[in-house]
Amino acid sequence: MADFNLEDFVNILNNKEVFQYLIHKKVIKEKKFLETYEYEKELHELQIELTAIQNKVIADNKRVLVIFEGRDAAGKGGAIERLVEYLNPKKLRVVSLPKPTAEESTQWYFQRYFKQLPNAGEIVFFDRSWYNRAVVEPVFGFCTPEQHTLFLKQVNEVEELLIQDGVIVIKFFLSISKEEQAKRLEERRTDVLKQWKIGPLDQQAQEKWSDYTSYIKTLFKTTGTKLSPWIEIETDNKKKARLEAFKIIINQIANQKREKTEDFVKIHN
């Protein structure tokens, strides 16, 4: 079913004979097919809505920064991919910075990220961000305890300044159960088409699970504020998680409040 797009789903459903034939021949499973159709339908509607929101961002010269953090294999890249799929690429950037250069290592920690902040009319997605220093770096010893402490002291002030200057900051943290993470990491190891997703740090995600958990708790407690809260989404169900990310971004940019928050979403402020 990964080869079906929304138009394919509609055409199959509109032809009952074809639909029943595919079920009979076990090409599709009816329940899964209908569930995937509903997902693709809602996703398409939200993509249209987000495109309209982007047009408003461009027209009003707004600046939007969407930060994606989370555990390995929680689906950050896939979520961002669907979010930006139909957006205007001229007013959009996805930023995933590599390891700092020797020169960048001597600069103020935030300096290289500041170069990537959104310009007027632009939406920027950070696929990992300055919050590397809050979790990944201390877990693997890539920063000193003093550097970690200094970051936690400065980051709230930095984000407050950005927000006061008019930047819309949305912070997502994608969570995943240890069991589901193990399953996805194994799938990446055994699937030739997905092996590129496995990095050297990903392979240690399971054995360092408790270390990650400790720093994540500190992250939420220290850097989740009323002005700049963390939106934690549990992603064991990737599809529901992606749809929720769309809805949150649309509502926050439009400055609308939703009456109900899904039970797999937690706000840390």
C-alpha atoms as a PDB file:
ATOM      1  CA  MET A   1       0.000   0.000   0.000  1.00  0.00           C
ATOM      2  CA  ALA A   2       3.013   2.252   0.214  1.00  0.00           C
ATOM      3  CA  ASP A   3       2.728   2.536  -3.569  1.00  0.00           C
ATOM      4  CA  PHE A   4      -0.827   3.948  -3.402  1.00  0.00           C
ATOM      5  CA  ASN A   5      -1.416   7.683  -3.341  1.00  0.00           C
ATOM      6  CA  LEU A   6      -4.694   9.322  -2.357  1.00  0.00           C
ATOM      7  CA  GLU A   7      -5.988   9.265  -5.946  1.00  0.00           C
ATOM      8  CA  ASP A   8      -5.322   5.510  -6.124  1.00  0.00           C
ATOM      9  CA  PHE A   9      -7.279   4.945  -2.920  1.00  0.00           C
ATOM     10  CA  VAL A  10     -10.250   6.929  -4.240  1.00  0.00           C
ATOM     11  CA  ASN A  11     -10.255   5.131  -7.605  1.00  0.00           C
ATOM     12  CA  ILE A  12     -10.150   1.707  -5.950  1.00  0.00           C
ATOM     13  CA  LEU A  13     -12.917   2.542  -3.490  1.00  0.00           C
ATOM     14  CA  ASN A  14     -15.094   3.906  -6.286  1.00  0.00           C
ATOM     15  CA  ASN A  15     -14.809   0.608  -8.163  1.00  0.00           C
ATOM     16  CA  LYS A  16     -16.333  -2.065  -5.929  1.00  0.00           C
ATOM     17  CA  GLU A  17     -15.358  -4.904  -8.264  1.00  0.00           C
ATOM     18  CA  VAL A  18     -11.692  -3.911  -8.234  1.00  0.00           C
ATOM     19  CA  PHE A  19     -11.809  -3.401  -4.454  1.00  0.00           C
ATOM     20  CA  GLN A  20     -13.244  -6.875  -3.826  1.00  0.00           C
ATOM     21  CA  TYR A  21     -10.844  -8.455  -6.327  1.00  0.00           C
ATOM     22  CA  LEU A  22      -7.793  -6.978  -4.553  1.00  0.00           C
ATOM     23  CA  ILE A  23      -9.098  -8.212  -1.195  1.00  0.00           C
ATOM     24  CA  HIS A  24      -9.842 -11.680  -2.616  1.00  0.00           C
ATOM     25  CA  LYS A  25      -6.350 -11.935  -4.123  1.00  0.00           C
ATOM     26  CA  LYS A  26      -4.873 -10.723  -0.811  1.00  0.00           C
ATOM     27  CA  VAL A  27      -3.206  -7.763  -2.500  1.00  0.00           C
ATOM     28  CA  ILE A  28      -4.735  -5.592   0.227  1.00  0.00           C
ATOM     29  CA  LYS A  29      -6.292  -6.146   3.647  1.00  0.00           C
ATOM     30  CA  GLU A  30      -9.608  -4.354   3.858  1.00  0.00           C
ATOM     31  CA  LYS A  31      -9.244  -2.925   7.385  1.00  0.00           C
ATOM     32  CA  LYS A  32      -5.681  -1.700   6.860  1.00  0.00           C
ATOM     33  CA  PHE A  33      -6.591  -0.307   3.435  1.00  0.00           C
ATOM     34  CA  LEU A  34      -9.488   1.726   4.835  1.00  0.00           C
ATOM     35  CA  GLU A  35      -7.420   2.963   7.779  1.00  0.00           C
ATOM     36  CA  THR A  36      -4.616   4.065   5.467  1.00  0.00           C
ATOM     37  CA  TYR A  37      -7.116   5.759   3.157  1.00  0.00           C
ATOM     38  CA  GLU A  38      -8.551   7.766   6.066  1.00  0.00           C
ATOM     39  CA  TYR A  39      -5.028   8.761   7.102  1.00  0.00           C
ATOM     40  CA  GLU A  40      -4.024   9.837   3.594  1.00  0.00           C
ATOM     41  CA  LYS A  41      -7.272  11.764   3.197  1.00  0.00           C
ATOM     42  CA  GLU A  42      -6.820  13.684   6.453  1.00  0.00           C
ATOM     43  CA  LEU A  43      -3.127  14.223   5.730  1.00  0.00           C
ATOM     44  CA  HIS A  44      -3.959  15.722   2.326  1.00  0.00           C
ATOM     45  CA  GLU A  45      -6.519  18.071   3.872  1.00  0.00           C
ATOM     46  CA  LEU A  46      -3.988  19.216   6.480  1.00  0.00           C
ATOM     47  CA  GLN A  47      -1.315  19.730   3.819  1.00  0.00           C
ATOM     48  CA  ILE A  48      -3.714  22.025   1.958  1.00  0.00           C
ATOM     49  CA  GLU A  49      -4.432  23.880   5.195  1.00  0.00           C
ATOM     50  CA  LEU A  50      -0.730  24.247   6.016  1.00  0.00           C
ATOM     51  CA  THR A  51      -0.079  25.594   2.501  1.00  0.00           C
ATOM     52  CA  ALA A  52      -2.712  28.278   3.124  1.00  0.00           C
ATOM     53  CA  ILE A  53      -1.065  29.080   6.462  1.00  0.00           C
ATOM     54  CA  GLN A  54       2.310  29.419   4.728  1.00  0.00           C
ATOM     55  CA  ASN A  55       0.798  31.868   2.239  1.00  0.00           C
ATOM     56  CA  LYS A  56      -0.383  33.924   5.214  1.00  0.00           C
ATOM     57  CA  VAL A  57       3.111  33.764   6.757  1.00  0.00           C
ATOM     58  CA  ILE A  58       4.578  35.065   3.498  1.00  0.00           C
ATOM     59  CA  ALA A  59       1.977  37.824   3.094  1.00  0.00           C
ATOM     60  CA  ASP A  60       2.376  39.014   6.690  1.00  0.00           C
ATOM     61  CA  ASN A  61       6.200  38.701   6.755  1.00  0.00           C
ATOM     62  CA  LYS A  62       6.014  36.385   9.766  1.00  0.00           C
ATOM     63  CA  ARG A  63       9.018  34.377  10.936  1.00  0.00           C
ATOM     64  CA  VAL A  64       8.401  30.814  12.073  1.00  0.00           C
ATOM     65  CA  LEU A  65      10.889  28.440  13.684  1.00  0.00           C
ATOM     66  CA  VAL A  66       9.785  24.831  14.217  1.00  0.00           C
ATOM     67  CA  ILE A  67      12.191  22.754  16.315  1.00  0.00           C
ATOM     68  CA  PHE A  68      12.089  18.962  16.128  1.00  0.00           C
ATOM     69  CA  GLU A  69      13.895  17.001  18.814  1.00  0.00           C
ATOM     70  CA  GLY A  70      13.363  13.458  20.015  1.00  0.00           C
ATOM     71  CA  ARG A  71      14.743  10.016  20.566  1.00  0.00           C
ATOM     72  CA  ASP A  72      16.419   8.104  17.749  1.00  0.00           C
ATOM     73  CA  ALA A  73      13.937   6.464  15.331  1.00  0.00           C
ATOM     74  CA  ALA A  74      11.028   8.497  16.739  1.00  0.00           C
ATOM     75  CA  GLY A  75      10.199   9.808  13.255  1.00  0.00           C
ATOM     76  CA  LYS A  76      11.555  13.361  13.135  1.00  0.00           C
ATOM     77  CA  GLY A  77      12.709  13.139   9.524  1.00  0.00           C
ATOM     78  CA  GLY A  78       9.534  11.475   8.283  1.00  0.00           C
ATOM     79  CA  ALA A  79       7.315  14.020  10.024  1.00  0.00           C
ATOM     80  CA  ILE A  80       9.246  16.948   8.570  1.00  0.00           C
ATOM     81  CA  GLU A  81       9.176  15.349   5.114  1.00  0.00           C
ATOM     82  CA  ARG A  82       5.377  15.180   5.085  1.00  0.00           C
ATOM     83  CA  LEU A  83       5.038  18.660   6.589  1.00  0.00           C
ATOM     84  CA  VAL A  84       7.114  20.351   3.889  1.00  0.00           C
ATOM     85  CA  GLU A  85       6.002  18.141   0.972  1.00  0.00           C
ATOM     86  CA  TYR A  86       3.762  20.749  -0.696  1.00  0.00           C
ATOM     87  CA  LEU A  87       5.033  23.974   0.843  1.00  0.00           C
ATOM     88  CA  ASN A  88       6.637  26.734  -1.209  1.00  0.00           C
ATOM     89  CA  PRO A  89      10.359  25.840  -1.173  1.00  0.00           C
ATOM     90  CA  LYS A  90      11.370  29.454  -1.805  1.00  0.00           C
ATOM     91  CA  LYS A  91      10.096  30.422   1.641  1.00  0.00           C
ATOM     92  CA  LEU A  92      11.052  27.264   3.460  1.00  0.00           C
ATOM     93  CA  ARG A  93      14.236  25.712   4.855  1.00  0.00           C
ATOM     94  CA  VAL A  94      14.969  22.447   6.633  1.00  0.00           C
ATOM     95  CA  VAL A  95      18.131  22.810   8.698  1.00  0.00           C
ATOM     96  CA  SER A  96      20.097  19.814   9.944  1.00  0.00           C
ATOM     97  CA  LEU A  97      23.534  21.037  10.925  1.00  0.00           C
ATOM     98  CA  PRO A  98      26.510  18.661  10.885  1.00  0.00           C
ATOM     99  CA  LYS A  99      29.141  18.358  13.593  1.00  0.00           C
ATOM    100  CA  PRO A 100      30.662  21.790  14.406  1.00  0.00           C
ATOM    101  CA  THR A 101      33.850  22.717  12.568  1.00  0.00           C
ATOM    102  CA  ALA A 102      37.014  23.533  14.496  1.00  0.00           C
ATOM    103  CA  GLU A 103      36.232  27.240  14.128  1.00  0.00           C
ATOM    104  CA  GLU A 104      32.585  26.844  15.196  1.00  0.00           C
ATOM    105  CA  SER A 105      33.716  24.935  18.284  1.00  0.00           C
ATOM    106  CA  THR A 106      35.431  28.112  19.515  1.00  0.00           C
ATOM    107  CA  GLN A 107      32.368  30.321  18.967  1.00  0.00           C
ATOM    108  CA  TRP A 108      29.452  31.029  21.296  1.00  0.00           C
ATOM    109  CA  TYR A 109      27.391  27.852  21.174  1.00  0.00           C
ATOM    110  CA  PHE A 110      24.289  29.459  19.624  1.00  0.00           C
ATOM    111  CA  GLN A 111      26.218  31.377  16.947  1.00  0.00           C
ATOM    112  CA  ARG A 112      26.041  28.865  14.110  1.00  0.00           C
ATOM    113  CA  TYR A 113      22.326  28.324  14.703  1.00  0.00           C
ATOM    114  CA  PHE A 114      21.575  32.042  14.606  1.00  0.00           C
ATOM    115  CA  LYS A 115      22.737  32.111  10.991  1.00  0.00           C
ATOM    116  CA  GLN A 116      19.869  29.743  10.177  1.00  0.00           C
ATOM    117  CA  LEU A 117      17.018  31.670  11.814  1.00  0.00           C
ATOM    118  CA  PRO A 118      13.975  32.477   9.630  1.00  0.00           C
ATOM    119  CA  ASN A 119      13.834  35.620   7.561  1.00  0.00           C
ATOM    120  CA  ALA A 120      10.629  37.579   6.938  1.00  0.00           C
ATOM    121  CA  GLY A 121       7.937  35.379   5.374  1.00  0.00           C
ATOM    122  CA  GLU A 122       9.898  32.188   6.018  1.00  0.00           C
ATOM    123  CA  ILE A 123       9.299  28.932   7.890  1.00  0.00           C
ATOM    124  CA  VAL A 124      12.412  27.109   9.091  1.00  0.00           C
ATOM    125  CA  PHE A 125      12.405  23.553  10.435  1.00  0.00           C
ATOM    126  CA  PHE A 126      15.294  22.529  12.682  1.00  0.00           C
ATOM    127  CA  ASP A 127      15.859  18.767  12.396  1.00  0.00           C
ATOM    128  CA  ARG A 128      17.665  18.729  15.735  1.00  0.00           C
ATOM    129  CA  SER A 129      18.813  22.055  17.057  1.00  0.00           C
ATOM    130  CA  TRP A 130      20.767  23.814  19.780  1.00  0.00           C
ATOM    131  CA  TYR A 131      19.111  21.299  22.109  1.00  0.00           C
ATOM    132  CA  ASN A 132      21.788  18.799  21.085  1.00  0.00           C
ATOM    133  CA  ARG A 133      23.647  20.300  24.043  1.00  0.00           C
ATOM    134  CA  ALA A 134      20.792  19.409  26.391  1.00  0.00           C
ATOM    135  CA  VAL A 135      20.605  15.670  25.620  1.00  0.00           C
ATOM    136  CA  VAL A 136      22.802  14.093  22.925  1.00  0.00           C
ATOM    137  CA  GLU A 137      26.056  15.886  23.783  1.00  0.00           C
ATOM    138  CA  PRO A 138      26.045  15.129  27.533  1.00  0.00           C
ATOM    139  CA  VAL A 139      24.900  11.529  26.938  1.00  0.00           C
ATOM    140  CA  PHE A 140      27.953  10.881  24.757  1.00  0.00           C
ATOM    141  CA  GLY A 141      30.385  13.196  26.531  1.00  0.00           C
ATOM    142  CA  PHE A 142      30.599  15.673  23.652  1.00  0.00           C
ATOM    143  CA  CYS A 143      30.357  18.605  26.078  1.00  0.00           C
ATOM    144  CA  THR A 144      31.512  19.212  29.626  1.00  0.00           C
ATOM    145  CA  PRO A 145      29.102  19.355  32.576  1.00  0.00           C
ATOM    146  CA  GLU A 146      29.882  23.075  32.793  1.00  0.00           C
ATOM    147  CA  GLN A 147      28.932  23.613  29.133  1.00  0.00           C
ATOM    148  CA  HIS A 148      25.690  21.684  29.660  1.00  0.00           C
ATOM    149  CA  THR A 149      24.817  23.780  32.723  1.00  0.00           C
ATOM    150  CA  LEU A 150      25.635  27.042  30.928  1.00  0.00           C
ATOM    151  CA  PHE A 151      23.420  26.054  27.993  1.00  0.00           C
ATOM    152  CA  LEU A 152      20.462  25.350  30.277  1.00  0.00           C
ATOM    153  CA  LYS A 153      21.019  28.736  31.909  1.00  0.00           C
ATOM    154  CA  GLN A 154      21.105  30.641  28.597  1.00  0.00           C
ATOM    155  CA  VAL A 155      18.619  28.906  26.301  1.00  0.00           C
ATOM    156  CA  ASN A 156      15.417  30.234  27.895  1.00  0.00           C
ATOM    157  CA  GLU A 157      16.722  33.797  27.648  1.00  0.00           C
ATOM    158  CA  VAL A 158      17.723  33.246  24.025  1.00  0.00           C
ATOM    159  CA  GLU A 159      14.283  31.939  23.069  1.00  0.00           C
ATOM    160  CA  GLU A 160      12.547  34.690  25.030  1.00  0.00           C
ATOM    161  CA  LEU A 161      14.495  37.298  23.019  1.00  0.00           C
ATOM    162  CA  LEU A 162      13.532  35.616  19.749  1.00  0.00           C
ATOM    163  CA  ILE A 163       9.856  35.476  20.702  1.00  0.00           C
ATOM    164  CA  GLN A 164       9.867  39.096  21.902  1.00  0.00           C
ATOM    165  CA  ASP A 165      11.305  40.051  18.518  1.00  0.00           C
ATOM    166  CA  GLY A 166       8.334  38.395  16.786  1.00  0.00           C
ATOM    167  CA  VAL A 167       9.642  34.925  15.907  1.00  0.00           C
ATOM    168  CA  ILE A 168       7.015  32.194  16.328  1.00  0.00           C
ATOM    169  CA  VAL A 169       8.843  29.315  18.053  1.00  0.00           C
ATOM    170  CA  ILE A 170       7.265  25.838  18.139  1.00  0.00           C
ATOM    171  CA  LYS A 171       9.165  23.074  19.947  1.00  0.00           C
ATOM    172  CA  PHE A 172       8.375  19.400  19.378  1.00  0.00           C
ATOM    173  CA  PHE A 173       9.911  16.454  21.193  1.00  0.00           C
ATOM    174  CA  LEU A 174       9.033  13.107  19.619  1.00  0.00           C
ATOM    175  CA  SER A 175       8.988  10.256  22.128  1.00  0.00           C
ATOM    176  CA  ILE A 176       8.949   6.521  21.463  1.00  0.00           C
ATOM    177  CA  SER A 177       8.751   3.413  23.644  1.00  0.00           C
ATOM    178  CA  LYS A 178      11.930   1.397  24.106  1.00  0.00           C
ATOM    179  CA  GLU A 179      10.289  -1.618  22.465  1.00  0.00           C
ATOM    180  CA  GLU A 180       9.144   0.306  19.389  1.00  0.00           C
ATOM    181  CA  GLN A 181      12.547   1.962  19.056  1.00  0.00           C
ATOM    182  CA  ALA A 182      14.251  -1.444  19.095  1.00  0.00           C
ATOM    183  CA  LYS A 183      11.863  -2.660  16.396  1.00  0.00           C
ATOM    184  CA  ARG A 184      12.486   0.351  14.133  1.00  0.00           C
ATOM    185  CA  LEU A 185      16.262   0.254  14.600  1.00  0.00           C
ATOM    186  CA  GLU A 186      16.313  -3.443  13.690  1.00  0.00           C
ATOM    187  CA  GLU A 187      14.197  -2.705  10.612  1.00  0.00           C
ATOM    188  CA  ARG A 188      16.735  -0.098   9.562  1.00  0.00           C
ATOM    189  CA  ARG A 189      19.599  -2.519  10.039  1.00  0.00           C
ATOM    190  CA  THR A 190      17.987  -5.274   7.970  1.00  0.00           C
ATOM    191  CA  ASP A 191      16.356  -3.175   5.219  1.00  0.00           C
ATOM    192  CA  VAL A 192      18.909  -2.228   2.548  1.00  0.00           C
ATOM    193  CA  LEU A 193      16.837   0.809   1.587  1.00  0.00           C
ATOM    194  CA  LYS A 194      16.830   2.132   5.163  1.00  0.00           C
ATOM    195  CA  GLN A 195      20.383   1.381   6.269  1.00  0.00           C
ATOM    196  CA  TRP A 196      21.471   4.944   5.470  1.00  0.00           C
ATOM    197  CA  LYS A 197      19.306   6.071   8.411  1.00  0.00           C
ATOM    198  CA  ILE A 198      21.534   4.256  10.910  1.00  0.00           C
ATOM    199  CA  GLY A 199      24.229   6.535  12.327  1.00  0.00           C
ATOM    200  CA  PRO A 200      26.954   5.644  14.824  1.00  0.00           C
ATOM    201  CA  LEU A 201      25.003   7.186  17.714  1.00  0.00           C
ATOM    202  CA  ASP A 202      21.716   5.493  16.747  1.00  0.00           C
ATOM    203  CA  GLN A 203      23.274   2.117  17.411  1.00  0.00           C
ATOM    204  CA  GLN A 204      23.769   3.048  21.076  1.00  0.00           C
ATOM    205  CA  ALA A 205      20.271   4.418  21.600  1.00  0.00           C
ATOM    206  CA  GLN A 206      19.040   1.293  23.358  1.00  0.00           C
ATOM    207  CA  GLU A 207      21.988   0.741  25.676  1.00  0.00           C
ATOM    208  CA  LYS A 208      21.991   4.398  26.711  1.00  0.00           C
ATOM    209  CA  TRP A 209      18.200   4.555  27.102  1.00  0.00           C
ATOM    210  CA  SER A 210      18.279   5.430  30.813  1.00  0.00           C
ATOM    211  CA  ASP A 211      20.934   8.131  30.263  1.00  0.00           C
ATOM    212  CA  TYR A 212      18.756   9.702  27.590  1.00  0.00           C
ATOM    213  CA  THR A 213      15.738   9.510  29.914  1.00  0.00           C
ATOM    214  CA  SER A 214      17.559  11.369  32.689  1.00  0.00           C
ATOM    215  CA  TYR A 215      18.627  14.247  30.429  1.00  0.00           C
ATOM    216  CA  ILE A 216      15.217  14.415  28.734  1.00  0.00           C
ATOM    217  CA  LYS A 217      13.538  14.876  32.123  1.00  0.00           C
ATOM    218  CA  THR A 218      15.947  17.729  32.863  1.00  0.00           C
ATOM    219  CA  LEU A 219      15.244  19.193  29.413  1.00  0.00           C
ATOM    220  CA  PHE A 220      11.509  19.357  30.023  1.00  0.00           C
ATOM    221  CA  LYS A 221      11.834  20.634  33.587  1.00  0.00           C
ATOM    222  CA  THR A 222      14.413  23.328  32.785  1.00  0.00           C
ATOM    223  CA  THR A 223      13.583  24.519  29.253  1.00  0.00           C
ATOM    224  CA  GLY A 224       9.828  24.052  29.023  1.00  0.00           C
ATOM    225  CA  THR A 225       8.353  27.468  29.828  1.00  0.00           C
ATOM    226  CA  LYS A 226       4.980  29.202  29.537  1.00  0.00           C
ATOM    227  CA  LEU A 227       6.411  31.322  26.727  1.00  0.00           C
ATOM    228  CA  SER A 228       8.180  28.447  24.967  1.00  0.00           C
ATOM    229  CA  PRO A 229       6.710  25.080  26.022  1.00  0.00           C
ATOM    230  CA  TRP A 230       7.765  21.636  24.838  1.00  0.00           C
ATOM    231  CA  ILE A 231       5.119  19.708  22.927  1.00  0.00           C
ATOM    232  CA  GLU A 232       5.904  16.045  23.500  1.00  0.00           C
ATOM    233  CA  ILE A 233       4.255  13.633  21.044  1.00  0.00           C
ATOM    234  CA  GLU A 234       4.406   9.888  21.532  1.00  0.00           C
ATOM    235  CA  THR A 235       5.090   8.377  18.115  1.00  0.00           C
ATOM    236  CA  ASP A 236       4.587   4.624  18.471  1.00  0.00           C
ATOM    237  CA  ASN A 237       1.724   5.335  16.063  1.00  0.00           C
ATOM    238  CA  LYS A 238       3.564   7.385  13.433  1.00  0.00           C
ATOM    239  CA  LYS A 239       0.489   8.357  11.459  1.00  0.00           C
ATOM    240  CA  LYS A 240      -1.437   9.799  14.380  1.00  0.00           C
ATOM    241  CA  ALA A 241       1.698  11.617  15.541  1.00  0.00           C
ATOM    242  CA  ARG A 242       2.241  13.237  12.133  1.00  0.00           C
ATOM    243  CA  LEU A 243      -1.355  14.412  11.880  1.00  0.00           C
ATOM    244  CA  GLU A 244      -1.113  15.912  15.350  1.00  0.00           C
ATOM    245  CA  ALA A 245       2.070  17.796  14.440  1.00  0.00           C
ATOM    246  CA  PHE A 246       0.258  19.331  11.459  1.00  0.00           C
ATOM    247  CA  LYS A 247      -2.682  20.438  13.616  1.00  0.00           C
ATOM    248  CA  ILE A 248      -0.450  21.968  16.285  1.00  0.00           C
ATOM    249  CA  ILE A 249       1.648  23.934  13.789  1.00  0.00           C
ATOM    250  CA  ILE A 250      -1.431  25.203  11.941  1.00  0.00           C
ATOM    251  CA  ASN A 251      -3.111  26.316  15.163  1.00  0.00           C
ATOM    252  CA  GLN A 252      -0.038  27.924  16.697  1.00  0.00           C
ATOM    253  CA  ILE A 253       0.833  29.947  13.592  1.00  0.00           C
ATOM    254  CA  ALA A 254      -2.821  31.013  13.252  1.00  0.00           C
ATOM    255  CA  ASN A 255      -2.853  31.747  17.011  1.00  0.00           C
ATOM    256  CA  GLN A 256      -5.873  29.498  17.536  1.00  0.00           C
ATOM    257  CA  LYS A 257      -6.556  27.368  20.598  1.00  0.00           C
ATOM    258  CA  ARG A 258      -7.792  23.791  20.337  1.00  0.00           C
ATOM    259  CA  GLU A 259     -10.405  22.541  22.767  1.00  0.00           C
ATOM    260  CA  LYS A 260      -8.935  19.036  23.059  1.00  0.00           C
ATOM    261  CA  THR A 261      -5.400  17.672  23.276  1.00  0.00           C
ATOM    262  CA  GLU A 262      -4.807  14.064  22.270  1.00  0.00           C
ATOM    263  CA  ASP A 263      -3.820  11.677  25.072  1.00  0.00           C
ATOM    264  CA  PHE A 264      -0.506  10.932  23.368  1.00  0.00           C
ATOM    265  CA  VAL A 265       0.483  14.613  23.568  1.00  0.00           C
ATOM    266  CA  LYS A 266       1.982  16.249  26.659  1.00  0.00           C
ATOM    267  CA  ILE A 267       2.760  19.924  27.166  1.00  0.00           C
ATOM    268  CA  HIS A 268       5.804  20.735  29.316  1.00  0.00           C
ATOM    269  CA  ASN A 269       5.783  24.335  30.541  1.00  0.00           C
END
